[in-house]
Amino acid sequence: MAFVDPFEERRRRINELFRDALRRIEELEASLVNELMRLSDEIEYERILDERINMLSSGAIEPLYQIIDRGDSIQIIVDMPGAVGETVNVYIGESEIRVEARIDEDAIRRAFRGFVWAERVERYSWTYRLPFKIDPSRASWRVAGSRVIITVPKG
């Protein structure tokens, strides 16, 4: 007959309970981290949607744009279909670029086909914060069809 130490048996049982509790805590932690990541994504989407709604309520929409690294310069192409050419305004500062233009009313009607919220839209407005400071006098821009092409030399 083997001798069973009651204290050793209790110690083993307590260790099992602690291991089980730690495993459950780790599972709960992983679940909470996943939920927080999901919520932060939702909050970011809500923030972006709020920005878009605020922009629309001010009568502006943000145009599509593309940023291309050309090595010694950055080229920014801002697409603004329906923009009235002579109303295009480009501001190039040391740390940001801003592009605005009025949109032709017929283009708005065709694009949005009578959506009530679109009745307030009248212009494009876009601001890009540069990741580095530039000399604005070395930057250039031109209008090509419905696009504004901005070239910003690096360094």
Protein backbone atom coordinates (compact mmCIF):
# COMPACT_ATOMS: atom_id res chain seq x y z
CA MET A 1 0.00 0.00 0.00
CA ALA A 2 1.43 3.35 -1.13
CA PHE A 3 1.49 6.30 1.17
CA VAL A 4 -0.45 9.31 -0.18
CA ASP A 5 0.63 12.65 1.21
CA PRO A 6 -2.55 14.77 1.55
CA PHE A 7 -0.52 18.00 1.26
CA GLU A 8 1.14 16.83 -1.99
CA GLU A 9 -2.29 15.90 -3.38
CA ARG A 10 -3.65 19.38 -2.49
CA ARG A 11 -0.56 21.08 -4.01
CA ARG A 12 -1.05 19.13 -7.25
CA ARG A 13 -4.77 20.03 -7.34
CA ILE A 14 -4.02 23.73 -6.68
CA ASN A 15 -1.41 23.70 -9.51
CA GLU A 16 -4.00 22.17 -11.87
CA LEU A 17 -6.52 24.86 -10.91
CA PHE A 18 -3.95 27.63 -11.48
CA ARG A 19 -2.91 26.19 -14.88
CA ASP A 20 -6.57 25.94 -15.89
CA ALA A 21 -7.26 29.50 -14.70
CA LEU A 22 -4.19 30.85 -16.57
CA ARG A 23 -5.24 29.05 -19.75
CA ARG A 24 -8.73 30.59 -19.49
CA ILE A 25 -7.24 34.05 -18.83
CA GLU A 26 -5.00 33.72 -21.92
CA GLU A 27 -8.01 32.69 -24.03
CA LEU A 28 -10.01 35.63 -22.66
CA GLU A 29 -7.11 38.00 -23.33
CA ALA A 30 -6.84 36.80 -26.95
CA SER A 31 -10.59 37.23 -27.37
CA LEU A 32 -10.48 40.75 -25.90
CA VAL A 33 -7.53 41.75 -28.11
CA ASN A 34 -9.44 40.55 -31.20
CA GLU A 35 -12.56 42.45 -30.12
CA LEU A 36 -10.57 45.64 -29.45
CA MET A 37 -8.95 45.40 -32.89
CA ARG A 38 -12.37 44.96 -34.49
CA LEU A 39 -13.76 47.92 -32.55
CA SER A 40 -10.79 50.13 -33.44
CA ASP A 41 -11.38 49.31 -37.12
CA GLU A 42 -15.06 50.24 -36.71
CA ILE A 43 -14.13 53.47 -34.93
CA GLU A 44 -11.74 54.34 -37.77
CA TYR A 45 -14.48 53.67 -40.35
CA GLU A 46 -16.89 55.82 -38.35
CA ARG A 47 -14.31 58.63 -38.15
CA ILE A 48 -13.76 58.49 -41.91
CA LEU A 49 -17.52 58.44 -42.54
CA ASP A 50 -17.99 61.42 -40.21
CA GLU A 51 -15.27 63.31 -42.10
CA ARG A 52 -16.97 62.53 -45.42
CA ILE A 53 -20.40 63.59 -44.15
CA ASN A 54 -18.96 66.83 -42.74
CA MET A 55 -17.23 67.48 -46.05
CA LEU A 56 -20.46 66.84 -47.98
CA SER A 57 -22.42 69.14 -45.69
CA SER A 58 -19.90 71.88 -46.50
CA GLY A 59 -20.59 71.37 -50.21
CA ALA A 60 -17.32 69.63 -51.05
CA ILE A 61 -16.24 66.14 -52.01
CA GLU A 62 -12.73 64.73 -51.94
CA PRO A 63 -11.39 63.76 -55.37
CA LEU A 64 -9.58 60.53 -56.10
CA TYR A 65 -5.82 60.84 -56.15
CA GLN A 66 -2.70 58.80 -56.76
CA ILE A 67 0.79 59.40 -55.38
CA ILE A 68 3.72 58.07 -57.37
CA ASP A 69 7.31 58.03 -56.09
CA ARG A 70 9.55 58.85 -59.06
CA GLY A 71 12.81 58.56 -57.09
CA ASP A 72 13.95 62.19 -57.14
CA SER A 73 10.39 63.54 -57.02
CA ILE A 74 6.83 62.68 -56.06
CA GLN A 75 4.10 62.98 -58.63
CA ILE A 76 0.55 63.49 -57.38
CA ILE A 77 -2.34 62.98 -59.78
CA VAL A 78 -5.68 64.36 -58.59
CA ASP A 79 -8.66 63.23 -60.66
CA MET A 80 -11.56 65.70 -60.70
CA PRO A 81 -14.07 64.80 -63.42
CA GLY A 82 -16.54 67.58 -64.09
CA ALA A 83 -14.31 70.27 -62.59
CA VAL A 84 -14.50 73.64 -64.27
CA GLY A 85 -10.92 74.16 -65.56
CA GLU A 86 -10.58 77.86 -64.84
CA THR A 87 -11.65 77.35 -61.21
CA VAL A 88 -8.85 74.89 -60.36
CA ASN A 89 -6.82 76.29 -57.48
CA VAL A 90 -3.63 74.59 -56.26
CA TYR A 91 -1.76 75.70 -53.14
CA ILE A 92 1.68 74.19 -52.58
CA GLY A 93 3.18 74.93 -49.18
CA GLU A 94 6.25 73.63 -47.35
CA SER A 95 4.34 70.79 -45.72
CA GLU A 96 1.00 70.48 -47.54
CA ILE A 97 -0.72 70.63 -50.89
CA ARG A 98 -4.30 71.77 -51.30
CA VAL A 99 -6.39 71.40 -54.45
CA GLU A 100 -9.85 72.88 -54.99
CA ALA A 101 -12.13 73.33 -57.99
CA ARG A 102 -15.78 74.09 -58.69
CA ILE A 103 -17.78 71.22 -60.21
CA ASP A 104 -20.01 71.80 -63.22
CA GLU A 105 -23.68 71.58 -62.16
CA ASP A 106 -24.61 69.32 -65.09
CA ALA A 107 -21.79 66.94 -64.15
CA ILE A 108 -23.13 66.76 -60.58
CA ARG A 109 -26.67 65.97 -61.82
CA ARG A 110 -25.39 63.26 -64.18
CA ALA A 111 -23.07 61.72 -61.58
CA PHE A 112 -25.48 61.67 -58.64
CA ARG A 113 -28.77 61.25 -60.53
CA GLY A 114 -30.96 63.23 -58.19
CA PHE A 115 -29.72 62.11 -54.78
CA VAL A 116 -30.96 64.79 -52.39
CA TRP A 117 -27.69 65.01 -50.44
CA ALA A 118 -25.83 65.67 -53.70
CA GLU A 119 -27.70 68.93 -54.29
CA ARG A 120 -25.28 70.63 -51.90
CA VAL A 121 -22.14 69.36 -53.64
CA GLU A 122 -20.51 72.16 -55.59
CA ARG A 123 -16.73 71.71 -55.41
CA TYR A 124 -13.78 69.41 -54.97
CA SER A 125 -11.54 69.98 -51.98
CA TRP A 126 -8.46 67.95 -51.05
CA THR A 127 -5.50 68.49 -48.74
CA TYR A 128 -2.41 66.30 -48.58
CA ARG A 129 0.09 66.63 -45.76
CA LEU A 130 3.55 65.96 -47.16
CA PRO A 131 5.75 63.47 -45.28
CA PHE A 132 8.68 65.91 -45.62
CA LYS A 133 9.22 69.64 -46.07
CA ILE A 134 9.67 70.98 -49.59
CA ASP A 135 10.65 74.18 -51.34
CA PRO A 136 7.29 75.25 -52.86
CA SER A 137 9.05 77.32 -55.54
CA ARG A 138 10.52 74.10 -57.02
CA ALA A 139 7.14 72.31 -57.23
CA SER A 140 4.95 72.56 -60.31
CA TRP A 141 1.45 71.65 -61.42
CA ARG A 142 -0.60 71.50 -64.57
CA VAL A 143 -4.11 70.56 -65.63
CA ALA A 144 -4.48 67.69 -68.11
CA GLY A 145 -8.13 67.03 -68.92
CA SER A 146 -9.90 66.28 -65.65
CA ARG A 147 -6.65 65.73 -63.78
CA VAL A 148 -4.29 67.98 -61.90
CA ILE A 149 -0.72 66.70 -62.07
CA ILE A 150 1.59 67.98 -59.35
CA THR A 151 5.34 67.33 -59.33
CA VAL A 152 7.20 67.83 -56.05
CA PRO A 153 11.01 67.45 -56.12
CA LYS A 154 12.51 65.69 -53.11
CA GLY A 155 15.25 67.27 -51.04
